[in-house]
Amino acid sequence: MTVTGIITAIVIGAIIGALGRLVVPGKQGIPIWLTIVIGIVAALIGTAIAGALGVAATSGIDWIELIIQIALAAVGVILAVSLYGRRGVR
């Protein structure tokens, strides 16, 4: 993986993570670095799921893949908020 690939993964992860946070109602008490990590993981898993479903490579914008990634990021944010809040760290 090149430096450009790593930077791209971080940027895409931040965008997916932010969109996942927007989907979840209420205030999320998790740091931005955790949102980026959740976004990166959701993007990777979402791409794998879309590939398994056969919808990863389409002409134009891959809307189904994007929806899967955002849904996974939202689930990740919900889990992180519940686990992070349970630890009592703020």
N, C-alpha and C. Protein backbone atom coordinates (compact mmCIF):
# COMPACT_ATOMS: atom_id res chain seq x y z
N MET A 1 0.85 -1.17 0.00
CA MET A 1 0.00 0.00 0.00
C MET A 1 0.90 1.24 0.00
N THR A 2 0.54 2.17 -0.84
CA THR A 2 1.33 3.39 -0.96
C THR A 2 0.84 4.45 0.03
N VAL A 3 1.60 5.51 0.14
CA VAL A 3 1.22 6.62 1.01
C VAL A 3 -0.09 7.23 0.53
N THR A 4 -0.25 7.33 -0.77
CA THR A 4 -1.49 7.87 -1.33
C THR A 4 -2.68 6.99 -0.97
N GLY A 5 -2.50 5.68 -1.01
CA GLY A 5 -3.58 4.76 -0.65
C GLY A 5 -3.97 4.89 0.81
N ILE A 6 -2.98 5.08 1.68
CA ILE A 6 -3.25 5.25 3.11
C ILE A 6 -4.00 6.55 3.36
N ILE A 7 -3.54 7.62 2.73
CA ILE A 7 -4.22 8.92 2.90
C ILE A 7 -5.64 8.85 2.36
N THR A 8 -5.82 8.21 1.22
CA THR A 8 -7.16 8.05 0.65
C THR A 8 -8.06 7.26 1.57
N ALA A 9 -7.54 6.18 2.17
CA ALA A 9 -8.34 5.37 3.10
C ALA A 9 -8.75 6.20 4.32
N ILE A 10 -7.87 7.05 4.81
CA ILE A 10 -8.20 7.90 5.96
C ILE A 10 -9.27 8.91 5.60
N VAL A 11 -9.13 9.53 4.42
CA VAL A 11 -10.12 10.53 4.00
C VAL A 11 -11.49 9.89 3.77
N ILE A 12 -11.51 8.77 3.04
CA ILE A 12 -12.77 8.08 2.79
C ILE A 12 -13.37 7.57 4.10
N GLY A 13 -12.51 7.06 4.99
CA GLY A 13 -12.97 6.60 6.31
C GLY A 13 -13.58 7.73 7.12
N ALA A 14 -12.98 8.90 7.06
CA ALA A 14 -13.53 10.05 7.79
C ALA A 14 -14.89 10.44 7.23
N ILE A 15 -15.02 10.41 5.92
CA ILE A 15 -16.30 10.77 5.30
C ILE A 15 -17.37 9.74 5.64
N ILE A 16 -17.05 8.45 5.49
CA ILE A 16 -18.02 7.39 5.81
C ILE A 16 -18.37 7.44 7.29
N GLY A 17 -17.38 7.63 8.16
CA GLY A 17 -17.64 7.71 9.60
C GLY A 17 -18.53 8.90 9.95
N ALA A 18 -18.25 10.05 9.32
CA ALA A 18 -19.07 11.24 9.57
C ALA A 18 -20.51 11.02 9.10
N LEU A 19 -20.67 10.38 7.94
CA LEU A 19 -22.03 10.09 7.46
C LEU A 19 -22.73 9.10 8.39
N GLY A 20 -21.97 8.13 8.90
CA GLY A 20 -22.54 7.19 9.87
C GLY A 20 -22.99 7.89 11.14
N ARG A 21 -22.21 8.89 11.59
CA ARG A 21 -22.60 9.66 12.78
C ARG A 21 -23.85 10.49 12.51
N LEU A 22 -23.97 11.01 11.29
CA LEU A 22 -25.15 11.82 10.95
C LEU A 22 -26.42 10.99 10.95
N VAL A 23 -26.31 9.71 10.60
CA VAL A 23 -27.48 8.84 10.54
C VAL A 23 -27.99 8.52 11.95
N VAL A 24 -27.07 8.42 12.90
CA VAL A 24 -27.44 8.06 14.27
C VAL A 24 -27.99 9.31 14.97
N PRO A 25 -29.21 9.21 15.51
CA PRO A 25 -29.78 10.38 16.19
C PRO A 25 -29.12 10.65 17.54
N GLY A 26 -29.17 11.89 17.98
CA GLY A 26 -28.64 12.26 19.28
C GLY A 26 -27.17 12.62 19.22
N LYS A 27 -26.64 12.92 20.41
CA LYS A 27 -25.24 13.31 20.53
C LYS A 27 -24.40 12.07 20.77
N GLN A 28 -23.30 11.96 20.03
CA GLN A 28 -22.39 10.84 20.20
C GLN A 28 -21.15 11.34 20.92
N GLY A 29 -20.86 10.75 22.06
CA GLY A 29 -19.72 11.17 22.86
C GLY A 29 -18.47 10.36 22.56
N ILE A 30 -18.11 10.27 21.28
CA ILE A 30 -16.90 9.54 20.92
C ILE A 30 -15.95 10.50 20.20
N PRO A 31 -14.65 10.29 20.33
CA PRO A 31 -13.69 11.19 19.67
C PRO A 31 -13.66 11.02 18.16
N ILE A 32 -13.11 12.01 17.49
CA ILE A 32 -13.08 12.01 16.03
C ILE A 32 -12.20 10.88 15.50
N TRP A 33 -11.12 10.56 16.20
CA TRP A 33 -10.25 9.48 15.73
C TRP A 33 -11.00 8.15 15.70
N LEU A 34 -11.91 7.93 16.65
CA LEU A 34 -12.69 6.71 16.68
C LEU A 34 -13.70 6.69 15.53
N THR A 35 -14.24 7.85 15.21
CA THR A 35 -15.15 7.96 14.07
C THR A 35 -14.43 7.60 12.77
N ILE A 36 -13.18 8.07 12.62
CA ILE A 36 -12.41 7.77 11.42
C ILE A 36 -12.10 6.28 11.34
N VAL A 37 -11.71 5.68 12.47
CA VAL A 37 -11.43 4.24 12.48
C VAL A 37 -12.68 3.44 12.13
N ILE A 38 -13.81 3.83 12.71
CA ILE A 38 -15.08 3.16 12.39
C ILE A 38 -15.39 3.30 10.91
N GLY A 39 -15.17 4.48 10.36
CA GLY A 39 -15.42 4.72 8.94
C GLY A 39 -14.53 3.88 8.04
N ILE A 40 -13.25 3.77 8.39
CA ILE A 40 -12.33 2.95 7.59
C ILE A 40 -12.75 1.49 7.61
N VAL A 41 -13.05 0.98 8.80
CA VAL A 41 -13.46 -0.42 8.93
C VAL A 41 -14.78 -0.66 8.19
N ALA A 42 -15.73 0.26 8.33
CA ALA A 42 -17.02 0.13 7.65
C ALA A 42 -16.84 0.17 6.14
N ALA A 43 -15.95 1.02 5.65
CA ALA A 43 -15.71 1.10 4.21
C ALA A 43 -15.11 -0.20 3.68
N LEU A 44 -14.16 -0.77 4.42
CA LEU A 44 -13.54 -2.03 3.98
C LEU A 44 -14.54 -3.18 4.00
N ILE A 45 -15.27 -3.31 5.10
CA ILE A 45 -16.25 -4.40 5.21
C ILE A 45 -17.39 -4.20 4.22
N GLY A 46 -17.84 -2.96 4.05
CA GLY A 46 -18.91 -2.67 3.10
C GLY A 46 -18.52 -2.99 1.67
N THR A 47 -17.27 -2.71 1.32
CA THR A 47 -16.79 -3.05 -0.02
C THR A 47 -16.75 -4.56 -0.21
N ALA A 48 -16.32 -5.29 0.82
CA ALA A 48 -16.29 -6.75 0.73
C ALA A 48 -17.71 -7.32 0.58
N ILE A 49 -18.65 -6.79 1.35
CA ILE A 49 -20.04 -7.26 1.25
C ILE A 49 -20.61 -6.93 -0.13
N ALA A 50 -20.36 -5.72 -0.62
CA ALA A 50 -20.86 -5.35 -1.94
C ALA A 50 -20.25 -6.23 -3.02
N GLY A 51 -18.98 -6.58 -2.86
CA GLY A 51 -18.33 -7.48 -3.81
C GLY A 51 -18.96 -8.86 -3.78
N ALA A 52 -19.29 -9.34 -2.58
CA ALA A 52 -19.91 -10.65 -2.46
C ALA A 52 -21.32 -10.66 -3.06
N LEU A 53 -22.00 -9.53 -2.96
CA LEU A 53 -23.35 -9.42 -3.54
C LEU A 53 -23.32 -9.13 -5.03
N GLY A 54 -22.14 -8.77 -5.55
CA GLY A 54 -22.01 -8.48 -6.97
C GLY A 54 -22.41 -7.08 -7.36
N VAL A 55 -22.43 -6.16 -6.41
CA VAL A 55 -22.83 -4.78 -6.72
C VAL A 55 -21.69 -3.80 -6.52
N ALA A 56 -20.46 -4.29 -6.37
CA ALA A 56 -19.33 -3.40 -6.11
C ALA A 56 -18.86 -2.67 -7.35
N ALA A 57 -18.95 -3.30 -8.51
CA ALA A 57 -18.45 -2.69 -9.74
C ALA A 57 -19.61 -2.37 -10.67
N THR A 58 -20.00 -1.12 -10.63
CA THR A 58 -21.06 -0.65 -11.53
C THR A 58 -20.55 0.58 -12.26
N SER A 59 -21.23 0.95 -13.32
CA SER A 59 -20.84 2.18 -14.00
C SER A 59 -21.43 3.36 -13.24
N GLY A 60 -20.61 4.35 -12.99
CA GLY A 60 -21.05 5.50 -12.22
C GLY A 60 -20.81 5.32 -10.73
N ILE A 61 -21.64 5.94 -9.93
CA ILE A 61 -21.50 5.90 -8.47
C ILE A 61 -22.11 4.60 -7.96
N ASP A 62 -21.40 3.93 -7.09
CA ASP A 62 -21.88 2.68 -6.51
C ASP A 62 -22.76 2.99 -5.30
N TRP A 63 -24.02 3.32 -5.56
CA TRP A 63 -24.92 3.75 -4.49
C TRP A 63 -25.19 2.65 -3.48
N ILE A 64 -25.37 1.43 -3.94
CA ILE A 64 -25.67 0.33 -3.02
C ILE A 64 -24.48 0.08 -2.10
N GLU A 65 -23.28 0.10 -2.65
CA GLU A 65 -22.07 -0.07 -1.83
C GLU A 65 -21.95 1.07 -0.81
N LEU A 66 -22.23 2.28 -1.22
CA LEU A 66 -22.16 3.44 -0.32
C LEU A 66 -23.19 3.32 0.80
N ILE A 67 -24.39 2.88 0.48
CA ILE A 67 -25.43 2.71 1.50
C ILE A 67 -25.03 1.62 2.50
N ILE A 68 -24.44 0.54 2.00
CA ILE A 68 -23.97 -0.53 2.89
C ILE A 68 -22.89 0.00 3.82
N GLN A 69 -21.95 0.77 3.29
CA GLN A 69 -20.86 1.31 4.09
C GLN A 69 -21.38 2.27 5.16
N ILE A 70 -22.32 3.13 4.80
CA ILE A 70 -22.87 4.09 5.77
C ILE A 70 -23.67 3.36 6.85
N ALA A 71 -24.43 2.34 6.45
CA ALA A 71 -25.18 1.56 7.43
C ALA A 71 -24.25 0.86 8.41
N LEU A 72 -23.16 0.29 7.90
CA LEU A 72 -22.19 -0.34 8.78
C LEU A 72 -21.52 0.67 9.70
N ALA A 73 -21.23 1.86 9.18
CA ALA A 73 -20.64 2.91 10.01
C ALA A 73 -21.61 3.35 11.10
N ALA A 74 -22.89 3.45 10.77
CA ALA A 74 -23.89 3.83 11.78
C ALA A 74 -23.96 2.78 12.89
N VAL A 75 -23.94 1.51 12.50
CA VAL A 75 -23.95 0.43 13.50
C VAL A 75 -22.67 0.51 14.34
N GLY A 76 -21.54 0.77 13.69
CA GLY A 76 -20.28 0.91 14.42
C GLY A 76 -20.30 2.07 15.39
N VAL A 77 -20.89 3.19 14.99
CA VAL A 77 -21.00 4.35 15.88
C VAL A 77 -21.88 4.02 17.08
N ILE A 78 -22.99 3.35 16.83
CA ILE A 78 -23.89 2.97 17.94
C ILE A 78 -23.15 2.06 18.92
N LEU A 79 -22.43 1.07 18.40
CA LEU A 79 -21.67 0.18 19.27
C LEU A 79 -20.57 0.93 20.03
N ALA A 80 -19.87 1.82 19.33
CA ALA A 80 -18.79 2.57 19.97
C ALA A 80 -19.33 3.50 21.06
N VAL A 81 -20.46 4.14 20.80
CA VAL A 81 -21.05 5.02 21.80
C VAL A 81 -21.45 4.23 23.03
N SER A 82 -22.04 3.07 22.83
CA SER A 82 -22.46 2.27 23.98
C SER A 82 -21.25 1.73 24.75
N LEU A 83 -20.22 1.29 24.06
CA LEU A 83 -19.03 0.77 24.74
C LEU A 83 -18.17 1.88 25.33
N TYR A 84 -18.00 2.97 24.60
CA TYR A 84 -17.18 4.09 25.07
C TYR A 84 -17.84 4.78 26.26
N GLY A 85 -19.17 4.92 26.20
CA GLY A 85 -19.89 5.55 27.29
C GLY A 85 -19.92 4.67 28.53
N ARG A 86 -19.92 3.38 28.34
CA ARG A 86 -19.97 2.43 29.46
C ARG A 86 -18.67 2.49 30.26
N ARG A 87 -17.55 2.77 29.57
CA ARG A 87 -16.27 2.86 30.27
C ARG A 87 -16.19 4.07 31.16
N GLY A 88 -17.00 5.07 30.88
CA GLY A 88 -16.99 6.28 31.67
C GLY A 88 -15.93 7.27 31.26
N VAL A 89 -15.30 7.08 30.12
CA VAL A 89 -14.27 7.99 29.63
C VAL A 89 -14.94 9.05 28.78
N ARG A 90 -14.57 10.30 29.02
CA ARG A 90 -15.17 11.40 28.23
C ARG A 90 -14.11 12.37 27.83
